Amino acid sequence: MANERVAVAKDTWNFSADAGGKWRWSLLTPERLVLRASAEAYASRAAAVKNGKQYGYSGS
C-alpha cells in the first residue's frame, strides 16, 4: 500500500499473554498507538514470536 507506515527504530514490539494464557503480539509507536497486532492468539510465546517475525520482528 502506498500510504502504509513503515516501522521505525523507535517503534516497539510487545508480546503478552491474555487471561487464558494465550500469547499475542503488537507493534507500537512511541505514543503507544498500535501499528500492527496479531490476528490470533498463540499457545506459546515462541509461536507468537515466530508469527511476529513474518511481520518484521527481528528479536528473539
PDB file of N, CA and C in Angstrom:
ATOM      1  N   MET A   1       0.827  -1.175   0.000  1.00  0.00           N
ATOM      2  CA  MET A   1       0.000   0.000   0.000  1.00  0.00           C
ATOM      3  C   MET A   1       0.877   1.246   0.000  1.00  0.00           C
ATOM      4  N   ALA A   2       0.574   2.211  -0.787  1.00  0.00           N
ATOM      5  CA  ALA A   2       1.408   3.398  -0.939  1.00  0.00           C
ATOM      6  C   ALA A   2       1.482   4.238   0.328  1.00  0.00           C
ATOM      7  N   ASN A   3       0.427   4.322   1.096  1.00  0.00           N
ATOM      8  CA  ASN A   3       0.434   5.170   2.286  1.00  0.00           C
ATOM      9  C   ASN A   3       0.615   4.391   3.589  1.00  0.00           C
ATOM     10  N   GLU A   4       1.023   3.134   3.497  1.00  0.00           N
ATOM     11  CA  GLU A   4       1.225   2.325   4.701  1.00  0.00           C
ATOM     12  C   GLU A   4       2.487   2.784   5.430  1.00  0.00           C
ATOM     13  N   ARG A   5       2.396   2.952   6.731  1.00  0.00           N
ATOM     14  CA  ARG A   5       3.532   3.408   7.535  1.00  0.00           C
ATOM     15  C   ARG A   5       4.505   2.257   7.745  1.00  0.00           C
ATOM     16  N   VAL A   6       5.777   2.534   7.579  1.00  0.00           N
ATOM     17  CA  VAL A   6       6.820   1.543   7.795  1.00  0.00           C
ATOM     18  C   VAL A   6       7.330   1.682   9.227  1.00  0.00           C
ATOM     19  N   ALA A   7       7.566   0.564   9.899  1.00  0.00           N
ATOM     20  CA  ALA A   7       8.070   0.598  11.271  1.00  0.00           C
ATOM     21  C   ALA A   7       9.428   1.291  11.322  1.00  0.00           C
ATOM     22  N   VAL A   8       9.622   2.113  12.328  1.00  0.00           N
ATOM     23  CA  VAL A   8      10.896   2.808  12.519  1.00  0.00           C
ATOM     24  C   VAL A   8      11.556   2.316  13.800  1.00  0.00           C
ATOM     25  N   ALA A   9      12.809   2.695  14.004  1.00  0.00           N
ATOM     26  CA  ALA A   9      13.603   2.185  15.128  1.00  0.00           C
ATOM     27  C   ALA A   9      12.960   2.429  16.492  1.00  0.00           C
ATOM     28  N   LYS A  10      12.212   3.491  16.651  1.00  0.00           N
ATOM     29  CA  LYS A  10      11.622   3.806  17.953  1.00  0.00           C
ATOM     30  C   LYS A  10      10.343   3.021  18.240  1.00  0.00           C
ATOM     31  N   ASP A  11       9.791   2.361  17.242  1.00  0.00           N
ATOM     32  CA  ASP A  11       8.615   1.525  17.468  1.00  0.00           C
ATOM     33  C   ASP A  11       9.028   0.313  18.298  1.00  0.00           C
ATOM     34  N   THR A  12       8.115  -0.206  19.101  1.00  0.00           N
ATOM     35  CA  THR A  12       8.448  -1.341  19.961  1.00  0.00           C
ATOM     36  C   THR A  12       7.481  -2.499  19.748  1.00  0.00           C
ATOM     37  N   TRP A  13       8.031  -3.693  19.863  1.00  0.00           N
ATOM     38  CA  TRP A  13       7.233  -4.912  19.784  1.00  0.00           C
ATOM     39  C   TRP A  13       6.848  -5.320  21.194  1.00  0.00           C
ATOM     40  N   ASN A  14       5.621  -5.762  21.361  1.00  0.00           N
ATOM     41  CA  ASN A  14       5.123  -6.198  22.652  1.00  0.00           C
ATOM     42  C   ASN A  14       4.552  -7.607  22.497  1.00  0.00           C
ATOM     43  N   PHE A  15       4.976  -8.517  23.366  1.00  0.00           N
ATOM     44  CA  PHE A  15       4.435  -9.875  23.401  1.00  0.00           C
ATOM     45  C   PHE A  15       3.831 -10.064  24.781  1.00  0.00           C
ATOM     46  N   SER A  16       2.566 -10.456  24.830  1.00  0.00           N
ATOM     47  CA  SER A  16       1.905 -10.590  26.127  1.00  0.00           C
ATOM     48  C   SER A  16       0.902 -11.734  26.104  1.00  0.00           C
ATOM     49  N   ALA A  17       0.692 -12.299  27.286  1.00  0.00           N
ATOM     50  CA  ALA A  17      -0.275 -13.380  27.443  1.00  0.00           C
ATOM     51  C   ALA A  17      -1.583 -12.799  27.964  1.00  0.00           C
ATOM     52  N   ASP A  18      -2.694 -13.321  27.457  1.00  0.00           N
ATOM     53  CA  ASP A  18      -4.000 -12.870  27.937  1.00  0.00           C
ATOM     54  C   ASP A  18      -4.403 -13.687  29.167  1.00  0.00           C
ATOM     55  N   ALA A  19      -5.581 -13.443  29.687  1.00  0.00           N
ATOM     56  CA  ALA A  19      -6.049 -14.125  30.902  1.00  0.00           C
ATOM     57  C   ALA A  19      -6.131 -15.639  30.729  1.00  0.00           C
ATOM     58  N   GLY A  20      -6.315 -16.095  29.501  1.00  0.00           N
ATOM     59  CA  GLY A  20      -6.396 -17.523  29.232  1.00  0.00           C
ATOM     60  C   GLY A  20      -5.053 -18.173  28.952  1.00  0.00           C
ATOM     61  N   GLY A  21      -3.970 -17.378  29.043  1.00  0.00           N
ATOM     62  CA  GLY A  21      -2.635 -17.919  28.810  1.00  0.00           C
ATOM     63  C   GLY A  21      -2.216 -17.967  27.354  1.00  0.00           C
ATOM     64  N   LYS A  22      -3.001 -17.394  26.465  1.00  0.00           N
ATOM     65  CA  LYS A  22      -2.665 -17.347  25.039  1.00  0.00           C
ATOM     66  C   LYS A  22      -1.842 -16.101  24.755  1.00  0.00           C
ATOM     67  N   TRP A  23      -0.893 -16.217  23.841  1.00  0.00           N
ATOM     68  CA  TRP A  23       0.039 -15.130  23.533  1.00  0.00           C
ATOM     69  C   TRP A  23      -0.349 -14.376  22.274  1.00  0.00           C
ATOM     70  N   ARG A  24      -0.126 -13.071  22.296  1.00  0.00           N
ATOM     71  CA  ARG A  24      -0.358 -12.183  21.154  1.00  0.00           C
ATOM     72  C   ARG A  24       0.815 -11.219  21.051  1.00  0.00           C
ATOM     73  N   TRP A  25       0.975 -10.623  19.884  1.00  0.00           N
ATOM     74  CA  TRP A  25       1.996  -9.595  19.713  1.00  0.00           C
ATOM     75  C   TRP A  25       1.358  -8.332  19.164  1.00  0.00           C
ATOM     76  N   SER A  26       2.042  -7.212  19.388  1.00  0.00           N
ATOM     77  CA  SER A  26       1.621  -5.941  18.795  1.00  0.00           C
ATOM     78  C   SER A  26       2.862  -5.088  18.557  1.00  0.00           C
ATOM     79  N   LEU A  27       2.777  -4.223  17.572  1.00  0.00           N
ATOM     80  CA  LEU A  27       3.836  -3.272  17.246  1.00  0.00           C
ATOM     81  C   LEU A  27       3.301  -1.893  17.579  1.00  0.00           C
ATOM     82  N   LEU A  28       4.001  -1.185  18.469  1.00  0.00           N
ATOM     83  CA  LEU A  28       3.517   0.088  18.998  1.00  0.00           C
ATOM     84  C   LEU A  28       4.444   1.244  18.642  1.00  0.00           C
ATOM     85  N   THR A  29       3.855   2.415  18.410  1.00  0.00           N
ATOM     86  CA  THR A  29       4.632   3.638  18.216  1.00  0.00           C
ATOM     87  C   THR A  29       5.097   4.130  19.581  1.00  0.00           C
ATOM     88  N   PRO A  30       6.019   5.098  19.626  1.00  0.00           N
ATOM     89  CA  PRO A  30       6.424   5.668  20.919  1.00  0.00           C
ATOM     90  C   PRO A  30       5.239   6.259  21.695  1.00  0.00           C
ATOM     91  N   GLU A  31       4.187   6.657  20.985  1.00  0.00           N
ATOM     92  CA  GLU A  31       2.983   7.212  21.628  1.00  0.00           C
ATOM     93  C   GLU A  31       2.012   6.118  22.058  1.00  0.00           C
ATOM     94  N   ARG A  32       2.431   4.846  21.897  1.00  0.00           N
ATOM     95  CA  ARG A  32       1.637   3.659  22.267  1.00  0.00           C
ATOM     96  C   ARG A  32       0.437   3.415  21.356  1.00  0.00           C
ATOM     97  N   LEU A  33       0.491   3.916  20.133  1.00  0.00           N
ATOM     98  CA  LEU A  33      -0.539   3.612  19.140  1.00  0.00           C
ATOM     99  C   LEU A  33      -0.192   2.277  18.494  1.00  0.00           C
ATOM    100  N   VAL A  34      -1.183   1.449  18.241  1.00  0.00           N
ATOM    101  CA  VAL A  34      -0.955   0.135  17.648  1.00  0.00           C
ATOM    102  C   VAL A  34      -0.816   0.276  16.136  1.00  0.00           C
ATOM    103  N   LEU A  35       0.341  -0.162  15.621  1.00  0.00           N
ATOM    104  CA  LEU A  35       0.562  -0.170  14.177  1.00  0.00           C
ATOM    105  C   LEU A  35       0.079  -1.477  13.563  1.00  0.00           C
ATOM    106  N   ARG A  36       0.409  -2.567  14.238  1.00  0.00           N
ATOM    107  CA  ARG A  36       0.010  -3.903  13.806  1.00  0.00           C
ATOM    108  C   ARG A  36      -0.214  -4.746  15.049  1.00  0.00           C
ATOM    109  N   ALA A  37      -0.998  -5.786  14.891  1.00  0.00           N
ATOM    110  CA  ALA A  37      -1.223  -6.710  16.006  1.00  0.00           C
ATOM    111  C   ALA A  37      -1.570  -8.077  15.448  1.00  0.00           C
ATOM    112  N   SER A  38      -1.277  -9.106  16.218  1.00  0.00           N
ATOM    113  CA  SER A  38      -1.596 -10.458  15.769  1.00  0.00           C
ATOM    114  C   SER A  38      -3.109 -10.613  15.644  1.00  0.00           C
ATOM    115  N   ALA A  39      -3.510 -11.337  14.635  1.00  0.00           N
ATOM    116  CA  ALA A  39      -4.932 -11.556  14.391  1.00  0.00           C
ATOM    117  C   ALA A  39      -5.459 -12.746  15.189  1.00  0.00           C
ATOM    118  N   GLU A  40      -4.553 -13.530  15.726  1.00  0.00           N
ATOM    119  CA  GLU A  40      -4.970 -14.686  16.513  1.00  0.00           C
ATOM    120  C   GLU A  40      -4.087 -14.823  17.742  1.00  0.00           C
ATOM    121  N   ALA A  41      -4.489 -15.673  18.659  1.00  0.00           N
ATOM    122  CA  ALA A  41      -3.721 -15.940  19.871  1.00  0.00           C
ATOM    123  C   ALA A  41      -2.927 -17.231  19.669  1.00  0.00           C
ATOM    124  N   TYR A  42      -1.781 -17.317  20.341  1.00  0.00           N
ATOM    125  CA  TYR A  42      -0.886 -18.461  20.180  1.00  0.00           C
ATOM    126  C   TYR A  42      -0.691 -19.172  21.509  1.00  0.00           C
ATOM    127  N   ALA A  43      -0.457 -20.479  21.449  1.00  0.00           N
ATOM    128  CA  ALA A  43      -0.324 -21.287  22.656  1.00  0.00           C
ATOM    129  C   ALA A  43       0.955 -20.987  23.429  1.00  0.00           C
ATOM    130  N   SER A  44       1.976 -20.468  22.750  1.00  0.00           N
ATOM    131  CA  SER A  44       3.243 -20.172  23.420  1.00  0.00           C
ATOM    132  C   SER A  44       3.805 -18.848  22.930  1.00  0.00           C
ATOM    133  N   ARG A  45       4.701 -18.282  23.732  1.00  0.00           N
ATOM    134  CA  ARG A  45       5.366 -17.042  23.327  1.00  0.00           C
ATOM    135  C   ARG A  45       6.194 -17.296  22.074  1.00  0.00           C
ATOM    136  N   ALA A  46       6.844 -18.454  22.014  1.00  0.00           N
ATOM    137  CA  ALA A  46       7.670 -18.791  20.854  1.00  0.00           C
ATOM    138  C   ALA A  46       6.848 -18.790  19.568  1.00  0.00           C
ATOM    139  N   ALA A  47       5.628 -19.294  19.633  1.00  0.00           N
ATOM    140  CA  ALA A  47       4.761 -19.304  18.453  1.00  0.00           C
ATOM    141  C   ALA A  47       4.355 -17.884  18.064  1.00  0.00           C
ATOM    142  N   ALA A  48       4.117 -17.034  19.057  1.00  0.00           N
ATOM    143  CA  ALA A  48       3.775 -15.638  18.773  1.00  0.00           C
ATOM    144  C   ALA A  48       4.967 -14.917  18.152  1.00  0.00           C
ATOM    145  N   VAL A  49       6.164 -15.182  18.665  1.00  0.00           N
ATOM    146  CA  VAL A  49       7.379 -14.576  18.108  1.00  0.00           C
ATOM    147  C   VAL A  49       7.582 -15.040  16.669  1.00  0.00           C
ATOM    148  N   LYS A  50       7.394 -16.321  16.416  1.00  0.00           N
ATOM    149  CA  LYS A  50       7.536 -16.857  15.055  1.00  0.00           C
ATOM    150  C   LYS A  50       6.598 -16.128  14.102  1.00  0.00           C
ATOM    151  N   ASN A  51       5.368 -15.901  14.512  1.00  0.00           N
ATOM    152  CA  ASN A  51       4.420 -15.176  13.674  1.00  0.00           C
ATOM    153  C   ASN A  51       4.831 -13.718  13.531  1.00  0.00           C
ATOM    154  N   GLY A  52       5.296 -13.099  14.607  1.00  0.00           N
ATOM    155  CA  GLY A  52       5.746 -11.712  14.552  1.00  0.00           C
ATOM    156  C   GLY A  52       6.883 -11.516  13.564  1.00  0.00           C
ATOM    157  N   LYS A  53       7.758 -12.508  13.444  1.00  0.00           N
ATOM    158  CA  LYS A  53       8.879 -12.420  12.502  1.00  0.00           C
ATOM    159  C   LYS A  53       8.394 -12.322  11.061  1.00  0.00           C
ATOM    160  N   GLN A  54       7.238 -12.874  10.777  1.00  0.00           N
ATOM    161  CA  GLN A  54       6.662 -12.758   9.431  1.00  0.00           C
ATOM    162  C   GLN A  54       6.252 -11.322   9.132  1.00  0.00           C
ATOM    163  N   TYR A  55       6.121 -10.512  10.182  1.00  0.00           N
ATOM    164  CA  TYR A  55       5.694  -9.119  10.027  1.00  0.00           C
ATOM    165  C   TYR A  55       6.800  -8.129  10.379  1.00  0.00           C
ATOM    166  N   GLY A  56       8.038  -8.623  10.493  1.00  0.00           N
ATOM    167  CA  GLY A  56       9.168  -7.728  10.677  1.00  0.00           C
ATOM    168  C   GLY A  56       9.882  -7.766  12.003  1.00  0.00           C
ATOM    169  N   TYR A  57       9.405  -8.553  12.966  1.00  0.00           N
ATOM    170  CA  TYR A  57      10.091  -8.642  14.257  1.00  0.00           C
ATOM    171  C   TYR A  57      11.446  -9.308  14.047  1.00  0.00           C
ATOM    172  N   SER A  58      12.501  -8.739  14.603  1.00  0.00           N
ATOM    173  CA  SER A  58      13.839  -9.292  14.391  1.00  0.00           C
ATOM    174  C   SER A  58      14.524  -9.713  15.689  1.00  0.00           C
ATOM    175  N   GLY A  59      13.800  -9.697  16.788  1.00  0.00           N
ATOM    176  CA  GLY A  59      14.371 -10.100  18.075  1.00  0.00           C
ATOM    177  C   GLY A  59      14.299 -11.601  18.273  1.00  0.00           C
ATOM    178  N   SER A  60      14.369 -12.015  19.535  1.00  0.00           N
ATOM    179  CA  SER A  60      14.303 -13.448  19.822  1.00  0.00           C
ATOM    180  C   SER A  60      13.260 -13.750  20.867  1.00  0.00           C
TER     181      SER A  60
END
